[in-house]
Amino acid sequence: MGDLFLVQGTQGTLRGSETSLSWKYFKPSDVKPLVLDTRPLRNDKGEPIYCRENLNFYEEKWNIDGKIENPHTWDADQQGFGYYKALYSNFVNNEDFPVKHEHLMLQMKVMGAAHAQNKKLFL
């Protein structure tokens, strides 16, 4: 099964699921400035070659508990029920709701920026 989330950026990629993430990126500070060379490129045998750029990629991973075999065994019905249980506890028992308003606002800002950068996709 494929990743649930895939974010492709200009310096790397983030992918994952509800329980694990992995990301691969390069640091622009590691990259030497490119110099324009208009001459035809050839190898030692005189054969044409293509331009190449060697980037040093970094890879990192995160897992919610390190024991997940299949991250897509998530039960949407049970998770939805958990939302209403938390909402009930918040209203009736005055317990903290797991999702904070400031987190929602940040998520809305990120989604708004994504929509603004990709207007053609969201018409």
N, C-alpha and C. Protein backbone atom coordinates (compact mmCIF):
# COMPACT_ATOMS: atom_id res chain seq x y z
N MET A 1 0.84 -1.17 0.00
CA MET A 1 0.00 0.00 0.00
C MET A 1 0.89 1.24 0.00
N GLY A 2 0.49 2.27 -0.70
CA GLY A 2 1.28 3.49 -0.79
C GLY A 2 1.17 4.36 0.45
N ASP A 3 1.91 5.44 0.44
CA ASP A 3 1.89 6.37 1.56
C ASP A 3 0.57 7.12 1.61
N LEU A 4 0.14 7.46 2.81
CA LEU A 4 -1.08 8.25 2.98
C LEU A 4 -0.78 9.72 2.71
N PHE A 5 0.44 10.16 3.09
CA PHE A 5 0.85 11.54 2.89
C PHE A 5 2.09 11.58 2.01
N LEU A 6 2.13 12.51 1.08
CA LEU A 6 3.32 12.73 0.26
C LEU A 6 3.41 14.21 -0.03
N VAL A 7 4.47 14.84 0.46
CA VAL A 7 4.71 16.26 0.24
C VAL A 7 6.04 16.38 -0.48
N GLN A 8 6.02 16.94 -1.68
CA GLN A 8 7.25 17.10 -2.45
C GLN A 8 7.61 18.58 -2.47
N GLY A 9 8.79 18.89 -1.99
CA GLY A 9 9.24 20.27 -1.91
C GLY A 9 10.43 20.52 -2.81
N THR A 10 10.94 21.73 -2.75
CA THR A 10 12.07 22.10 -3.60
C THR A 10 13.39 21.56 -3.07
N GLN A 11 13.42 21.13 -1.80
CA GLN A 11 14.67 20.63 -1.22
C GLN A 11 14.52 19.23 -0.64
N GLY A 12 13.37 18.59 -0.87
CA GLY A 12 13.20 17.24 -0.35
C GLY A 12 11.76 16.78 -0.38
N THR A 13 11.54 15.62 0.24
CA THR A 13 10.24 14.97 0.24
C THR A 13 9.91 14.46 1.63
N LEU A 14 8.63 14.61 2.01
CA LEU A 14 8.11 14.08 3.27
C LEU A 14 7.00 13.10 2.91
N ARG A 15 7.04 11.91 3.49
CA ARG A 15 6.00 10.92 3.21
C ARG A 15 5.69 10.15 4.48
N GLY A 16 4.49 9.56 4.52
CA GLY A 16 4.16 8.74 5.68
C GLY A 16 2.69 8.47 5.86
N SER A 17 2.35 8.15 7.10
CA SER A 17 0.99 7.78 7.46
C SER A 17 0.66 8.42 8.80
N GLU A 18 -0.41 7.93 9.42
CA GLU A 18 -0.81 8.46 10.72
C GLU A 18 0.20 8.11 11.81
N THR A 19 1.00 7.09 11.58
CA THR A 19 1.87 6.58 12.63
C THR A 19 3.36 6.65 12.33
N SER A 20 3.73 7.00 11.10
CA SER A 20 5.15 7.08 10.79
C SER A 20 5.39 8.08 9.66
N LEU A 21 6.56 8.68 9.69
CA LEU A 21 6.97 9.64 8.67
C LEU A 21 8.41 9.36 8.28
N SER A 22 8.74 9.65 7.04
CA SER A 22 10.13 9.63 6.62
C SER A 22 10.35 10.82 5.70
N TRP A 23 11.53 11.39 5.76
CA TRP A 23 11.83 12.53 4.91
C TRP A 23 13.25 12.45 4.41
N LYS A 24 13.42 12.95 3.20
CA LYS A 24 14.71 12.96 2.53
C LYS A 24 14.90 14.38 2.00
N TYR A 25 16.07 14.97 2.25
CA TYR A 25 16.29 16.36 1.86
C TYR A 25 17.77 16.63 1.66
N PHE A 26 18.05 17.75 1.03
CA PHE A 26 19.43 18.21 0.94
C PHE A 26 19.50 19.61 1.52
N LYS A 27 20.69 20.00 1.93
CA LYS A 27 20.89 21.33 2.51
C LYS A 27 21.50 22.24 1.45
N PRO A 28 20.83 23.34 1.11
CA PRO A 28 21.38 24.25 0.10
C PRO A 28 22.77 24.75 0.45
N SER A 29 23.07 24.84 1.74
CA SER A 29 24.41 25.31 2.14
C SER A 29 25.51 24.31 1.76
N ASP A 30 25.13 23.04 1.52
CA ASP A 30 26.10 22.02 1.11
C ASP A 30 26.41 22.07 -0.39
N VAL A 31 25.59 22.77 -1.15
CA VAL A 31 25.70 22.75 -2.62
C VAL A 31 26.63 23.86 -3.09
N LYS A 32 27.60 23.49 -3.91
CA LYS A 32 28.50 24.48 -4.49
C LYS A 32 27.75 25.27 -5.56
N PRO A 33 28.06 26.55 -5.71
CA PRO A 33 27.40 27.33 -6.77
C PRO A 33 27.68 26.72 -8.15
N LEU A 34 26.66 26.70 -8.98
CA LEU A 34 26.83 26.16 -10.33
C LEU A 34 27.45 27.20 -11.24
N VAL A 35 28.28 26.72 -12.16
CA VAL A 35 28.93 27.58 -13.14
C VAL A 35 28.44 27.16 -14.52
N LEU A 36 27.99 28.10 -15.31
CA LEU A 36 27.50 27.80 -16.64
C LEU A 36 28.67 27.44 -17.56
N ASP A 37 28.55 26.27 -18.16
CA ASP A 37 29.57 25.81 -19.10
C ASP A 37 28.84 25.48 -20.40
N THR A 38 29.11 26.22 -21.45
CA THR A 38 28.39 26.04 -22.72
C THR A 38 29.09 25.08 -23.66
N ARG A 39 30.26 24.57 -23.27
CA ARG A 39 30.99 23.62 -24.13
C ARG A 39 30.28 22.26 -24.10
N PRO A 40 30.37 21.51 -25.19
CA PRO A 40 29.82 20.14 -25.18
C PRO A 40 30.56 19.30 -24.15
N LEU A 41 29.83 18.53 -23.37
CA LEU A 41 30.43 17.68 -22.33
C LEU A 41 30.75 16.31 -22.91
N ARG A 42 31.97 15.82 -22.62
CA ARG A 42 32.41 14.52 -23.14
C ARG A 42 33.16 13.78 -22.04
N ASN A 43 33.06 12.45 -22.07
CA ASN A 43 33.81 11.64 -21.12
C ASN A 43 35.22 11.38 -21.64
N ASP A 44 35.97 10.52 -20.95
CA ASP A 44 37.36 10.21 -21.33
C ASP A 44 37.47 9.58 -22.72
N LYS A 45 36.40 8.92 -23.16
CA LYS A 45 36.41 8.27 -24.48
C LYS A 45 35.93 9.21 -25.58
N GLY A 46 35.59 10.45 -25.21
CA GLY A 46 35.11 11.41 -26.19
C GLY A 46 33.62 11.30 -26.47
N GLU A 47 32.91 10.46 -25.70
CA GLU A 47 31.47 10.29 -25.89
C GLU A 47 30.71 11.40 -25.17
N PRO A 48 29.57 11.81 -25.72
CA PRO A 48 28.79 12.86 -25.06
C PRO A 48 28.24 12.38 -23.71
N ILE A 49 28.22 13.29 -22.75
CA ILE A 49 27.65 12.99 -21.43
C ILE A 49 26.70 14.11 -21.06
N TYR A 50 25.87 13.85 -20.05
CA TYR A 50 24.90 14.84 -19.60
C TYR A 50 25.41 15.54 -18.34
N CYS A 51 24.88 16.72 -18.11
CA CYS A 51 25.23 17.47 -16.90
C CYS A 51 24.81 16.66 -15.68
N ARG A 52 25.57 16.78 -14.63
CA ARG A 52 25.24 16.08 -13.39
C ARG A 52 25.44 17.04 -12.22
N GLU A 53 24.63 16.82 -11.21
CA GLU A 53 24.77 17.57 -9.97
C GLU A 53 24.73 16.58 -8.83
N ASN A 54 25.79 16.48 -8.07
CA ASN A 54 25.83 15.54 -6.95
C ASN A 54 25.35 16.25 -5.69
N LEU A 55 24.23 15.77 -5.17
CA LEU A 55 23.66 16.33 -3.96
C LEU A 55 23.81 15.32 -2.83
N ASN A 56 24.18 15.81 -1.67
CA ASN A 56 24.28 14.97 -0.48
C ASN A 56 22.92 14.97 0.20
N PHE A 57 22.17 13.84 0.08
CA PHE A 57 20.85 13.76 0.68
C PHE A 57 20.91 13.23 2.10
N TYR A 58 20.05 13.75 2.95
CA TYR A 58 19.90 13.30 4.32
C TYR A 58 18.55 12.61 4.43
N GLU A 59 18.50 11.52 5.18
CA GLU A 59 17.25 10.79 5.37
C GLU A 59 16.99 10.61 6.86
N GLU A 60 15.74 10.85 7.26
CA GLU A 60 15.36 10.68 8.65
C GLU A 60 13.99 10.03 8.71
N LYS A 61 13.70 9.38 9.84
CA LYS A 61 12.42 8.69 10.01
C LYS A 61 11.89 8.94 11.41
N TRP A 62 10.57 8.87 11.52
CA TRP A 62 9.88 8.95 12.80
C TRP A 62 8.79 7.90 12.82
N ASN A 63 8.65 7.21 13.95
CA ASN A 63 7.61 6.21 14.10
C ASN A 63 6.97 6.41 15.46
N ILE A 64 5.67 6.29 15.53
CA ILE A 64 4.95 6.59 16.76
C ILE A 64 5.38 5.70 17.92
N ASP A 65 5.67 4.42 17.66
CA ASP A 65 6.07 3.55 18.76
C ASP A 65 7.11 2.50 18.36
N GLY A 66 7.54 2.50 17.13
CA GLY A 66 8.56 1.57 16.69
C GLY A 66 8.09 0.14 16.48
N LYS A 67 6.80 -0.14 16.68
CA LYS A 67 6.31 -1.51 16.57
C LYS A 67 5.31 -1.70 15.43
N ILE A 68 5.06 -0.69 14.64
CA ILE A 68 4.05 -0.75 13.61
C ILE A 68 4.51 -1.63 12.45
N GLU A 69 3.74 -2.65 12.11
CA GLU A 69 4.05 -3.47 10.95
C GLU A 69 3.32 -2.95 9.72
N ASN A 70 2.05 -2.63 9.88
CA ASN A 70 1.26 -2.08 8.78
C ASN A 70 0.61 -0.80 9.27
N PRO A 71 1.13 0.36 8.88
CA PRO A 71 0.58 1.61 9.39
C PRO A 71 -0.83 1.91 8.90
N HIS A 72 -1.32 1.14 7.93
CA HIS A 72 -2.65 1.44 7.38
C HIS A 72 -3.73 0.53 7.96
N THR A 73 -3.52 0.02 9.17
CA THR A 73 -4.55 -0.78 9.83
C THR A 73 -5.43 0.08 10.71
N TRP A 74 -5.36 1.35 10.54
CA TRP A 74 -6.10 2.37 11.28
C TRP A 74 -7.59 2.20 11.03
N ASP A 75 -8.41 2.22 12.06
CA ASP A 75 -9.86 2.05 11.95
C ASP A 75 -10.52 3.43 12.01
N ALA A 76 -11.00 3.90 10.87
CA ALA A 76 -11.59 5.24 10.78
C ALA A 76 -12.82 5.37 11.67
N ASP A 77 -13.65 4.32 11.77
CA ASP A 77 -14.84 4.39 12.62
C ASP A 77 -14.47 4.57 14.08
N GLN A 78 -13.48 3.79 14.54
CA GLN A 78 -13.04 3.90 15.92
C GLN A 78 -12.42 5.27 16.20
N GLN A 79 -11.65 5.79 15.26
CA GLN A 79 -11.04 7.11 15.44
C GLN A 79 -12.12 8.19 15.49
N GLY A 80 -13.13 8.07 14.65
CA GLY A 80 -14.24 9.03 14.68
C GLY A 80 -14.98 8.98 16.00
N PHE A 81 -15.18 7.78 16.54
CA PHE A 81 -15.83 7.62 17.84
C PHE A 81 -14.98 8.26 18.93
N GLY A 82 -13.66 8.12 18.83
CA GLY A 82 -12.76 8.73 19.81
C GLY A 82 -12.91 10.24 19.85
N TYR A 83 -13.17 10.85 18.70
CA TYR A 83 -13.39 12.30 18.63
C TYR A 83 -14.58 12.69 19.50
N TYR A 84 -15.68 11.95 19.35
CA TYR A 84 -16.90 12.29 20.10
C TYR A 84 -16.74 12.00 21.58
N LYS A 85 -15.98 10.97 21.93
CA LYS A 85 -15.71 10.71 23.34
C LYS A 85 -14.90 11.86 23.95
N ALA A 86 -13.92 12.36 23.21
CA ALA A 86 -13.11 13.48 23.70
C ALA A 86 -13.95 14.75 23.79
N LEU A 87 -14.83 14.95 22.83
CA LEU A 87 -15.71 16.12 22.84
C LEU A 87 -16.64 16.06 24.05
N TYR A 88 -17.20 14.89 24.31
CA TYR A 88 -18.06 14.70 25.48
C TYR A 88 -17.30 15.01 26.77
N SER A 89 -16.09 14.44 26.90
CA SER A 89 -15.28 14.68 28.10
C SER A 89 -14.94 16.15 28.26
N ASN A 90 -14.76 16.84 27.14
CA ASN A 90 -14.46 18.27 27.19
C ASN A 90 -15.66 19.05 27.70
N PHE A 91 -16.85 18.76 27.17
CA PHE A 91 -18.06 19.49 27.56
C PHE A 91 -18.54 19.12 28.96
N VAL A 92 -18.59 17.83 29.26
CA VAL A 92 -19.19 17.36 30.50
C VAL A 92 -18.22 17.39 31.68
N ASN A 93 -16.98 16.94 31.44
CA ASN A 93 -16.01 16.83 32.53
C ASN A 93 -14.97 17.94 32.53
N ASN A 94 -15.09 18.89 31.61
CA ASN A 94 -14.18 20.01 31.50
C ASN A 94 -12.72 19.57 31.29
N GLU A 95 -12.54 18.41 30.61
CA GLU A 95 -11.19 17.93 30.31
C GLU A 95 -10.66 18.64 29.07
N ASP A 96 -9.34 18.71 28.97
CA ASP A 96 -8.73 19.33 27.80
C ASP A 96 -9.06 18.52 26.55
N PHE A 97 -9.37 19.22 25.49
CA PHE A 97 -9.60 18.56 24.20
C PHE A 97 -8.23 18.26 23.59
N PRO A 98 -8.03 17.10 22.98
CA PRO A 98 -6.70 16.74 22.47
C PRO A 98 -6.14 17.68 21.41
N VAL A 99 -7.01 18.34 20.67
CA VAL A 99 -6.55 19.25 19.62
C VAL A 99 -6.72 20.68 20.12
N LYS A 100 -5.62 21.40 20.17
CA LYS A 100 -5.64 22.78 20.65
C LYS A 100 -5.99 23.75 19.53
N HIS A 101 -6.64 24.85 19.88
CA HIS A 101 -7.04 25.85 18.88
C HIS A 101 -5.84 26.39 18.10
N GLU A 102 -4.72 26.61 18.80
CA GLU A 102 -3.55 27.16 18.11
C GLU A 102 -3.00 26.17 17.07
N HIS A 103 -3.16 24.87 17.32
CA HIS A 103 -2.74 23.87 16.33
C HIS A 103 -3.64 23.90 15.10
N LEU A 104 -4.94 24.07 15.35
CA LEU A 104 -5.87 24.17 14.22
C LEU A 104 -5.60 25.41 13.39
N MET A 105 -5.31 26.52 14.05
CA MET A 105 -5.02 27.76 13.32
C MET A 105 -3.76 27.61 12.47
N LEU A 106 -2.74 26.96 13.02
CA LEU A 106 -1.52 26.74 12.25
C LEU A 106 -1.80 25.85 11.04
N GLN A 107 -2.59 24.80 11.24
CA GLN A 107 -2.93 23.91 10.13
C GLN A 107 -3.71 24.67 9.06
N MET A 108 -4.62 25.54 9.47
CA MET A 108 -5.40 26.32 8.50
C MET A 108 -4.49 27.28 7.73
N LYS A 109 -3.49 27.87 8.38
CA LYS A 109 -2.55 28.75 7.70
C LYS A 109 -1.73 27.98 6.67
N VAL A 110 -1.27 26.78 7.04
CA VAL A 110 -0.49 25.96 6.10
C VAL A 110 -1.35 25.58 4.90
N MET A 111 -2.59 25.14 5.16
CA MET A 111 -3.48 24.77 4.06
C MET A 111 -3.81 25.98 3.18
N GLY A 112 -4.00 27.14 3.79
CA GLY A 112 -4.26 28.36 3.02
C GLY A 112 -3.08 28.72 2.14
N ALA A 113 -1.86 28.58 2.66
CA ALA A 113 -0.66 28.86 1.86
C ALA A 113 -0.54 27.87 0.70
N ALA A 114 -0.85 26.59 0.96
CA ALA A 114 -0.80 25.58 -0.10
C ALA A 114 -1.81 25.90 -1.19
N HIS A 115 -3.01 26.30 -0.79
CA HIS A 115 -4.04 26.66 -1.78
C HIS A 115 -3.62 27.89 -2.57
N ALA A 116 -3.04 28.88 -1.90
CA ALA A 116 -2.63 30.10 -2.58
C ALA A 116 -1.53 29.83 -3.60
N GLN A 117 -0.64 28.88 -3.31
CA GLN A 117 0.45 28.55 -4.22
C GLN A 117 0.02 27.67 -5.38
N ASN A 118 -1.15 27.05 -5.25
CA ASN A 118 -1.62 26.09 -6.26
C ASN A 118 -3.07 26.38 -6.64
N LYS A 119 -3.35 27.62 -7.00
CA LYS A 119 -4.72 28.05 -7.26
C LYS A 119 -5.42 27.21 -8.32
N LYS A 120 -4.67 26.78 -9.33
CA LYS A 120 -5.29 26.00 -10.42
C LYS A 120 -5.84 24.66 -9.92
N LEU A 121 -5.23 24.10 -8.88
CA LEU A 121 -5.67 22.81 -8.36
C LEU A 121 -6.95 22.92 -7.53
N PHE A 122 -7.23 24.10 -7.00
CA PHE A 122 -8.32 24.25 -6.06
C PHE A 122 -9.44 25.14 -6.58
N LEU A 123 -9.73 25.06 -7.85
CA LEU A 123 -10.82 25.86 -8.43
C LEU A 123 -12.12 25.14 -8.30
